[in-house]
C-alpha atoms as a PDB file:
ATOM      1  CA  MET A   1      97.153  22.683  93.980  1.00  0.00           C
ATOM      2  CA  LYS A   2      94.556  25.295  94.671  1.00  0.00           C
ATOM      3  CA  ASN A   3      97.012  27.026  97.084  1.00  0.00           C
ATOM      4  CA  LEU A   4      99.485  27.420  94.885  1.00  0.00           C
ATOM      5  CA  LEU A   5      97.440  29.038  92.093  1.00  0.00           C
ATOM      6  CA  ARG A   6      95.779  31.578  94.965  1.00  0.00           C
ATOM      7  CA  ALA A   7      99.570  32.411  95.801  1.00  0.00           C
ATOM      8  CA  LEU A   8     100.488  33.195  92.056  1.00  0.00           C
ATOM      9  CA  ILE A   9      97.315  35.249  91.831  1.00  0.00           C
ATOM     10  CA  GLU A  10      98.286  37.187  94.992  1.00  0.00           C
ATOM     11  CA  GLU A  11     101.601  37.812  93.879  1.00  0.00           C
ATOM     12  CA  GLU A  12     100.784  38.938  90.551  1.00  0.00           C
ATOM     13  CA  THR A  13      98.034  41.502  91.850  1.00  0.00           C
ATOM     14  CA  MET A  14     100.493  42.677  94.368  1.00  0.00           C
ATOM     15  CA  ALA A  15     103.027  43.563  91.562  1.00  0.00           C
ATOM     16  CA  VAL A  16     100.242  45.375  89.746  1.00  0.00           C
ATOM     17  CA  ASN A  17      99.229  47.406  92.728  1.00  0.00           C
ATOM     18  CA  GLN A  18     103.099  48.289  93.517  1.00  0.00           C
ATOM     19  CA  GLU A  19     103.298  49.308  89.529  1.00  0.00           C
ATOM     20  CA  GLU A  20     100.393  51.742  90.080  1.00  0.00           C
ATOM     21  CA  PRO A  21     101.842  54.112  92.122  1.00  0.00           C
ATOM     22  CA  SER A  22     105.105  54.903  89.901  1.00  0.00           C
ATOM     23  CA  THR A  23     102.397  55.169  86.863  1.00  0.00           C
ATOM     24  CA  GLN A  24     100.912  57.547  88.585  1.00  0.00           C
ATOM     25  CA  GLN A  25     103.556  59.602  90.421  1.00  0.00           C
ATOM     26  CA  GLN A  26     105.183  59.616  86.641  1.00  0.00           C
ATOM     27  CA  GLU A  27     101.795  61.288  85.191  1.00  0.00           C
ATOM     28  CA  SER A  28     102.138  63.507  88.200  1.00  0.00           C
ATOM     29  CA  GLU A  29     105.807  64.883  87.419  1.00  0.00           C
ATOM     30  CA  SER A  30     105.044  65.086  84.073  1.00  0.00           C
ATOM     31  CA  ALA A  31     102.116  67.520  84.356  1.00  0.00           C
ATOM     32  CA  SER A  32     104.013  69.592  86.803  1.00  0.00           C
ATOM     33  CA  VAL A  33     106.478  69.981  84.634  1.00  0.00           C
ATOM     34  CA  GLU A  34     104.189  71.446  82.026  1.00  0.00           C
ATOM     35  CA  THR A  35     102.501  73.284  84.554  1.00  0.00           C
ATOM     36  CA  PRO A  36     104.477  75.752  85.821  1.00  0.00           C
ATOM     37  CA  LYS A  37     102.890  76.447  88.955  1.00  0.00           C
ATOM     38  CA  GLU A  38     105.810  78.390  90.626  1.00  0.00           C
ATOM     39  CA  ASP A  39     105.984  81.174  88.268  1.00  0.00           C
ATOM     40  CA  ILE A  40     102.507  82.085  89.131  1.00  0.00           C
ATOM     41  CA  LYS A  41     103.175  81.722  93.063  1.00  0.00           C
ATOM     42  CA  GLU A  42     106.408  83.511  92.852  1.00  0.00           C
ATOM     43  CA  TYR A  43     106.657  85.878  90.259  1.00  0.00           C
ATOM     44  CA  GLY A  44     102.479  86.364  89.051  1.00  0.00           C
ATOM     45  CA  THR A  45     102.947  85.210  85.410  1.00  0.00           C
ATOM     46  CA  SER A  46     101.930  82.578  83.565  1.00  0.00           C
ATOM     47  CA  VAL A  47     102.098  81.563  79.778  1.00  0.00           C
ATOM     48  CA  VAL A  48      98.478  80.961  78.154  1.00  0.00           C
ATOM     49  CA  LYS A  49      99.414  78.901  74.696  1.00  0.00           C
ATOM     50  CA  ASN A  50      96.428  79.137  72.257  1.00  0.00           C
ATOM     51  CA  PRO A  51      96.163  78.667  68.342  1.00  0.00           C
ATOM     52  CA  ARG A  52      95.581  82.319  68.026  1.00  0.00           C
ATOM     53  CA  GLY A  53      98.911  83.516  69.983  1.00  0.00           C
ATOM     54  CA  ASN A  54     100.718  82.322  72.826  1.00  0.00           C
ATOM     55  CA  ILE A  55     100.535  84.966  75.382  1.00  0.00           C
ATOM     56  CA  TRP A  56     102.506  85.960  78.462  1.00  0.00           C
ATOM     57  CA  PHE A  57     100.665  87.014  81.125  1.00  0.00           C
ATOM     58  CA  LEU A  58     102.029  89.455  83.935  1.00  0.00           C
ATOM     59  CA  ASN A  59     100.010  90.504  87.231  1.00  0.00           C
ATOM     60  CA  ILE A  60     101.160  93.511  88.296  1.00  0.00           C
ATOM     61  CA  ILE A  61      99.219  93.740  92.431  1.00  0.00           C
ATOM     62  CA  GLY A  62      99.698  95.342  95.590  1.00  0.00           C
ATOM     63  CA  GLN A  63     102.836  97.725  95.984  1.00  0.00           C
ATOM     64  CA  ILE A  64     105.404  97.985  93.724  1.00  0.00           C
ATOM     65  CA  GLU A  65     108.627  97.049  95.674  1.00  0.00           C
ATOM     66  CA  GLY A  66     111.587  98.659  94.539  1.00  0.00           C
ATOM     67  CA  HIS A  67     115.035  98.773  96.479  1.00  0.00           C
ATOM     68  CA  ILE A  68     112.965  98.510  99.636  1.00  0.00           C
ATOM     69  CA  ILE A  69     112.268  95.476 100.711  1.00  0.00           C
ATOM     70  CA  LEU A  70     108.664  95.497 102.127  1.00  0.00           C
ATOM     71  CA  PRO A  71     107.349  93.558 105.025  1.00  0.00           C
ATOM     72  CA  PRO A  72     106.290  89.912 104.223  1.00  0.00           C
ATOM     73  CA  ASN A  73     102.527  90.749 104.981  1.00  0.00           C
ATOM     74  CA  ASN A  74     102.340  93.133 102.216  1.00  0.00           C
ATOM     75  CA  LYS A  75     101.381  92.031  98.542  1.00  0.00           C
ATOM     76  CA  SER A  76     104.135  93.459  96.181  1.00  0.00           C
ATOM     77  CA  THR A  77     105.610  93.113  92.874  1.00  0.00           C
ATOM     78  CA  LYS A  78     108.935  92.940  93.011  1.00  0.00           C
ATOM     79  CA  TYR A  79     110.612  94.480  90.344  1.00  0.00           C
ATOM     80  CA  GLU A  80     113.705  92.436  90.057  1.00  0.00           C
ATOM     81  CA  HIS A  81     111.532  89.459  89.068  1.00  0.00           C
ATOM     82  CA  VAL A  82     109.190  91.462  86.562  1.00  0.00           C
ATOM     83  CA  ILE A  83     112.033  92.701  84.606  1.00  0.00           C
ATOM     84  CA  PRO A  84     113.990  89.349  83.983  1.00  0.00           C
ATOM     85  CA  GLY A  85     110.860  88.099  83.340  1.00  0.00           C
ATOM     86  CA  LEU A  86     109.993  90.985  80.447  1.00  0.00           C
ATOM     87  CA  VAL A  87     113.831  90.442  78.888  1.00  0.00           C
ATOM     88  CA  THR A  88     112.397  86.477  78.426  1.00  0.00           C
ATOM     89  CA  ALA A  89     109.553  87.677  77.027  1.00  0.00           C
ATOM     90  CA  ALA A  90     111.003  89.895  74.740  1.00  0.00           C
ATOM     91  CA  GLU A  91     113.870  87.226  73.367  1.00  0.00           C
ATOM     92  CA  ASN A  92     111.487  83.939  73.707  1.00  0.00           C
ATOM     93  CA  PRO A  93     110.174  83.628  70.064  1.00  0.00           C
ATOM     94  CA  GLU A  94     107.420  81.295  71.402  1.00  0.00           C
ATOM     95  CA  ILE A  95     105.372  84.187  73.163  1.00  0.00           C
ATOM     96  CA  GLU A  96     103.786  86.382  70.581  1.00  0.00           C
ATOM     97  CA  GLY A  97     101.825  88.545  73.216  1.00  0.00           C
ATOM     98  CA  VAL A  98     101.926  89.955  76.756  1.00  0.00           C
ATOM     99  CA  LEU A  99      98.941  90.843  78.700  1.00  0.00           C
ATOM    100  CA  ILE A 100      99.492  92.952  81.546  1.00  0.00           C
ATOM    101  CA  ILE A 101      96.669  93.385  84.268  1.00  0.00           C
ATOM    102  CA  LEU A 102      97.052  95.902  87.312  1.00  0.00           C
ATOM    103  CA  ASN A 103      95.502  96.416  90.637  1.00  0.00           C
ATOM    104  CA  THR A 104      97.818  98.444  92.584  1.00  0.00           C
ATOM    105  CA  VAL A 105      98.307 100.991  94.849  1.00  0.00           C
ATOM    106  CA  GLY A 106     101.344 102.558  93.160  1.00  0.00           C
ATOM    107  CA  GLY A 107     104.949 101.981  95.402  1.00  0.00           C
ATOM    108  CA  ASP A 108     108.626 102.415  94.263  1.00  0.00           C
ATOM    109  CA  VAL A 109     108.473 105.415  91.508  1.00  0.00           C
ATOM    110  CA  GLU A 110     111.683 104.624  89.851  1.00  0.00           C
ATOM    111  CA  ALA A 111     111.074 100.755  89.936  1.00  0.00           C
ATOM    112  CA  GLY A 112     107.537 101.280  88.250  1.00  0.00           C
ATOM    113  CA  LEU A 113     108.937 103.339  85.949  1.00  0.00           C
ATOM    114  CA  ALA A 114     111.477 101.103  84.879  1.00  0.00           C
ATOM    115  CA  ILE A 115     108.961  98.738  84.449  1.00  0.00           C
ATOM    116  CA  ALA A 116     106.783 100.658  82.116  1.00  0.00           C
ATOM    117  CA  GLU A 117     109.752 101.887  79.811  1.00  0.00           C
ATOM    118  CA  LEU A 118     110.538  98.083  79.398  1.00  0.00           C
ATOM    119  CA  ILE A 119     107.016  97.299  78.704  1.00  0.00           C
ATOM    120  CA  SER A 120     106.675 100.282  76.216  1.00  0.00           C
ATOM    121  CA  LYS A 121     109.644  99.068  74.005  1.00  0.00           C
ATOM    122  CA  LEU A 122     109.052  95.482  74.178  1.00  0.00           C
ATOM    123  CA  GLY A 123     108.736  94.547  70.679  1.00  0.00           C
ATOM    124  CA  LYS A 124     105.601  92.556  70.557  1.00  0.00           C
ATOM    125  CA  PRO A 125     102.008  93.652  71.027  1.00  0.00           C
ATOM    126  CA  THR A 126     101.459  94.673  74.805  1.00  0.00           C
ATOM    127  CA  VAL A 127      97.765  95.066  76.043  1.00  0.00           C
ATOM    128  CA  SER A 128      97.305  96.316  79.530  1.00  0.00           C
ATOM    129  CA  LEU A 129      94.146  96.296  82.058  1.00  0.00           C
ATOM    130  CA  VAL A 130      93.346  97.794  85.093  1.00  0.00           C
ATOM    131  CA  ILE A 131      90.929  96.127  87.514  1.00  0.00           C
ATOM    132  CA  GLY A 132      90.349  97.508  90.907  1.00  0.00           C
ATOM    133  CA  GLY A 133      92.940 100.376  90.738  1.00  0.00           C
ATOM    134  CA  GLY A 134      95.970 101.549  89.007  1.00  0.00           C
ATOM    135  CA  HIS A 135      96.969 104.288  91.258  1.00  0.00           C
ATOM    136  CA  SER A 136     100.161 106.771  91.323  1.00  0.00           C
ATOM    137  CA  ILE A 137     102.794 104.985  89.238  1.00  0.00           C
ATOM    138  CA  GLY A 138     100.259 102.440  88.565  1.00  0.00           C
ATOM    139  CA  VAL A 139      99.356 104.953  85.899  1.00  0.00           C
ATOM    140  CA  PRO A 140     102.439 104.717  83.680  1.00  0.00           C
ATOM    141  CA  LEU A 141     102.258 101.134  83.864  1.00  0.00           C
ATOM    142  CA  ALA A 142      98.665 101.110  82.596  1.00  0.00           C
ATOM    143  CA  VAL A 143     100.015 103.290  79.639  1.00  0.00           C
ATOM    144  CA  SER A 144     102.517 101.634  78.697  1.00  0.00           C
ATOM    145  CA  ALA A 145     101.271  98.819  76.521  1.00  0.00           C
ATOM    146  CA  GLN A 146     100.247  99.565  73.066  1.00  0.00           C
ATOM    147  CA  HIS A 147      96.656  99.544  73.778  1.00  0.00           C
ATOM    148  CA  SER A 148      94.994  99.852  77.197  1.00  0.00           C
ATOM    149  CA  PHE A 149      91.644  98.922  79.148  1.00  0.00           C
ATOM    150  CA  ILE A 150      89.985  99.648  82.049  1.00  0.00           C
ATOM    151  CA  ALA A 151      87.361  98.031  84.099  1.00  0.00           C
ATOM    152  CA  PRO A 152      83.936 100.416  84.323  1.00  0.00           C
ATOM    153  CA  SER A 153      84.417 100.111  88.486  1.00  0.00           C
ATOM    154  CA  ALA A 154      88.006 100.408  88.459  1.00  0.00           C
ATOM    155  CA  THR A 155      89.452 103.621  89.322  1.00  0.00           C
ATOM    156  CA  MET A 156      93.086 105.720  89.191  1.00  0.00           C
ATOM    157  CA  THR A 157      94.651 107.962  91.457  1.00  0.00           C
ATOM    158  CA  ILE A 158      96.769 110.741  89.879  1.00  0.00           C
ATOM    159  CA  HIS A 159      98.737 113.099  92.293  1.00  0.00           C
ATOM    160  CA  PRO A 160     102.234 114.535  92.392  1.00  0.00           C
ATOM    161  CA  VAL A 161     105.518 112.508  93.511  1.00  0.00           C
ATOM    162  CA  ARG A 162     106.311 112.027  96.840  1.00  0.00           C
ATOM    163  CA  MET A 163     108.688 111.183  99.005  1.00  0.00           C
ATOM    164  CA  ASN A 164     108.844 109.115 102.613  1.00  0.00           C
ATOM    165  CA  GLY A 165     111.140 109.508 105.088  1.00  0.00           C
ATOM    166  CA  VAL A 166     113.421 112.719 106.636  1.00  0.00           C
ATOM    167  CA  VAL A 167     114.597 115.198 104.187  1.00  0.00           C
ATOM    168  CA  VAL A 168     117.621 116.769 104.347  1.00  0.00           C
ATOM    169  CA  GLY A 169     118.327 119.950 101.764  1.00  0.00           C
ATOM    170  CA  THR A 170     114.546 120.914 101.176  1.00  0.00           C
ATOM    171  CA  PRO A 171     115.423 123.255  98.027  1.00  0.00           C
ATOM    172  CA  GLN A 172     117.525 120.020  96.483  1.00  0.00           C
ATOM    173  CA  THR A 173     114.919 117.637  97.397  1.00  0.00           C
ATOM    174  CA  TYR A 174     112.014 119.569  95.815  1.00  0.00           C
ATOM    175  CA  ASP A 175     114.313 120.105  92.555  1.00  0.00           C
ATOM    176  CA  TYR A 176     114.896 116.475  92.273  1.00  0.00           C
ATOM    177  CA  LEU A 177     110.770 115.735  93.145  1.00  0.00           C
ATOM    178  CA  GLN A 178     110.263 118.392  90.089  1.00  0.00           C
ATOM    179  CA  LYS A 179     112.477 116.436  87.894  1.00  0.00           C
ATOM    180  CA  MET A 180     111.224 112.962  88.433  1.00  0.00           C
ATOM    181  CA  GLN A 181     107.659 114.475  88.283  1.00  0.00           C
ATOM    182  CA  ALA A 182     108.172 115.923  84.736  1.00  0.00           C
ATOM    183  CA  ARG A 183     109.811 112.394  83.601  1.00  0.00           C
ATOM    184  CA  ILE A 184     106.420 110.528  84.506  1.00  0.00           C
ATOM    185  CA  SER A 185     104.237 113.332  82.731  1.00  0.00           C
ATOM    186  CA  LYS A 186     106.353 113.158  79.996  1.00  0.00           C
ATOM    187  CA  PHE A 187     106.112 109.352  79.745  1.00  0.00           C
ATOM    188  CA  VAL A 188     102.402 109.311  80.577  1.00  0.00           C
ATOM    189  CA  ALA A 189     101.827 112.138  77.609  1.00  0.00           C
ATOM    190  CA  ARG A 190     103.972 110.004  75.130  1.00  0.00           C
ATOM    191  CA  ASN A 191     102.292 106.782  75.681  1.00  0.00           C
ATOM    192  CA  SER A 192      98.837 107.936  75.710  1.00  0.00           C
ATOM    193  CA  GLY A 193      96.506 110.849  74.540  1.00  0.00           C
ATOM    194  CA  ILE A 194      96.565 113.486  77.328  1.00  0.00           C
ATOM    195  CA  THR A 195      98.557 116.028  77.348  1.00  0.00           C
ATOM    196  CA  GLU A 196     101.675 116.912  79.962  1.00  0.00           C
ATOM    197  CA  GLN A 197      99.255 120.347  80.652  1.00  0.00           C
ATOM    198  CA  ARG A 198      95.932 118.276  81.715  1.00  0.00           C
ATOM    199  CA  LEU A 199      97.896 115.551  83.751  1.00  0.00           C
ATOM    200  CA  THR A 200      99.420 118.493  85.675  1.00  0.00           C
ATOM    201  CA  GLU A 201      95.905 119.994  86.412  1.00  0.00           C
ATOM    202  CA  LEU A 202      94.672 116.513  87.733  1.00  0.00           C
ATOM    203  CA  MET A 203      97.742 116.064  89.682  1.00  0.00           C
ATOM    204  CA  MET A 204      97.370 119.596  91.406  1.00  0.00           C
ATOM    205  CA  ASP A 205      93.509 119.822  91.852  1.00  0.00           C
ATOM    206  CA  THR A 206      92.770 120.570  95.500  1.00  0.00           C
ATOM    207  CA  SER A 207      89.426 120.340  95.117  1.00  0.00           C
ATOM    208  CA  LYS A 208      88.747 116.237  95.150  1.00  0.00           C
ATOM    209  CA  LEU A 209      90.884 114.899  98.030  1.00  0.00           C
ATOM    210  CA  VAL A 210      90.210 116.275 101.095  1.00  0.00           C
ATOM    211  CA  LEU A 211      93.341 115.713 102.651  1.00  0.00           C
ATOM    212  CA  ASP A 212      95.957 116.045  99.636  1.00  0.00           C
ATOM    213  CA  VAL A 213      95.948 117.148  95.646  1.00  0.00           C
ATOM    214  CA  GLY A 214      95.288 115.019  93.090  1.00  0.00           C
ATOM    215  CA  THR A 215      92.318 113.139  91.551  1.00  0.00           C
ATOM    216  CA  ILE A 216      90.469 109.869  91.727  1.00  0.00           C
ATOM    217  CA  LEU A 217      89.283 108.774  88.034  1.00  0.00           C
ATOM    218  CA  ASN A 218      86.995 106.291  87.738  1.00  0.00           C
ATOM    219  CA  GLY A 219      86.812 103.791  84.332  1.00  0.00           C
ATOM    220  CA  GLU A 220      85.084 106.215  82.223  1.00  0.00           C
ATOM    221  CA  GLU A 221      86.381 109.374  83.309  1.00  0.00           C
ATOM    222  CA  ALA A 222      89.938 107.633  82.777  1.00  0.00           C
ATOM    223  CA  VAL A 223      89.059 107.101  79.136  1.00  0.00           C
ATOM    224  CA  LYS A 224      87.147 110.406  78.883  1.00  0.00           C
ATOM    225  CA  GLU A 225      90.467 112.230  79.991  1.00  0.00           C
ATOM    226  CA  LYS A 226      92.572 109.876  77.436  1.00  0.00           C
ATOM    227  CA  ILE A 227      94.452 108.589  79.783  1.00  0.00           C
ATOM    228  CA  ILE A 228      93.125 104.562  78.812  1.00  0.00           C
ATOM    229  CA  ASN A 229      92.152 103.891  75.449  1.00  0.00           C
ATOM    230  CA  GLU A 230      88.837 101.894  76.293  1.00  0.00           C
ATOM    231  CA  MET A 231      86.481 100.501  78.588  1.00  0.00           C
ATOM    232  CA  GLY A 232      86.095  96.326  78.745  1.00  0.00           C
ATOM    233  CA  GLY A 233      87.317  93.453  80.519  1.00  0.00           C
ATOM    234  CA  LEU A 234      89.742  90.533  80.160  1.00  0.00           C
ATOM    235  CA  TYR A 235      87.541  89.318  77.333  1.00  0.00           C
ATOM    236  CA  ASP A 236      87.817  92.593  75.826  1.00  0.00           C
ATOM    237  CA  ALA A 237      91.844  92.560  76.431  1.00  0.00           C
ATOM    238  CA  MET A 238      92.156  89.124  75.041  1.00  0.00           C
ATOM    239  CA  GLU A 239      90.701  89.646  71.609  1.00  0.00           C
ATOM    240  CA  CYS A 240      92.699  93.017  71.347  1.00  0.00           C
ATOM    241  CA  LEU A 241      95.999  91.417  71.701  1.00  0.00           C
ATOM    242  CA  TYR A 242      95.088  88.274  69.323  1.00  0.00           C
ATOM    243  CA  ALA A 243      94.130  90.846  66.757  1.00  0.00           C
ATOM    244  CA  MET A 244      97.539  92.383  67.190  1.00  0.00           C
ATOM    245  CA  ILE A 245      99.317  89.236  67.173  1.00  0.00           C
ATOM    246  CA  ALA A 246      97.225  88.430  63.869  1.00  0.00           C
ATOM    247  CA  LYS A 247      98.184  91.629  62.752  1.00  0.00           C
ATOM    248  CA  GLU A 248     101.651  91.588  63.189  1.00  0.00           C
ATOM    249  CA  THR A 249     102.012  87.909  61.860  1.00  0.00           C
ATOM    250  CA  THR A 250     100.468  88.790  58.406  1.00  0.00           C
ATOM    251  CA  GLU A 251     102.897  91.934  58.120  1.00  0.00           C
ATOM    252  CA  ASN A 252     106.117  89.845  58.895  1.00  0.00           C
ATOM    253  CA  SER A 253     104.872  87.040  56.279  1.00  0.00           C
ATOM    254  CA  LYS A 254     104.686  89.912  53.673  1.00  0.00           C
ATOM    255  CA  GLU A 255     107.925  91.091  54.395  1.00  0.00           C
ATOM    256  CA  ALA A 256     109.281  87.768  54.510  1.00  0.00           C
END
């Protein structure tokens, strides 16, 4: 009788132990669905849900990759990932604001300008924060948001448009670069407080860079030149974005 009772207890224990892994597995699968880690890994994006507003976070790092694929060992932001993400953020009613964090050396001019144009006309509150660096085409990306911040230790390099590779037909190429430069200058001036004339002066300065033309600005100088709205960090950028979301919600309620 004792042997039979012991056998029954062992069978019940084994059954419970077999059920526990499946329950844990279900919980793990549920957590993986709620937390889209692949978005952070592959696209550098995530959604921050908060009672004060749901924010879509976009990370622009390394080099902006355009029509030419960069080597796999390069840190890059791919425009074919960012553009669909921005369209989704604009059309998703659950996303109420967008935070763009930049630490970029620049990259493909047309790809960067295309992303900047989308951000500037997103139709939702947007805030940018430059940490580390916002160089080259990173400048229009930084000013594309409705309000911009820069860390005191961050820098921004402003220089004329360049082209890599063999150049054929020098007059035509020069004309193309001039037009591209004009597009960038107009965009930056339209979305910040700096004038096109002052921006050109910074681009063509020969005294700041030893082997090149242009200007490197730290956080304080970028604000002084009216390229960036103010200095600050992540907390400042988040608080600003939440305030913008609250203001837009109030205005929409009054209209309704």
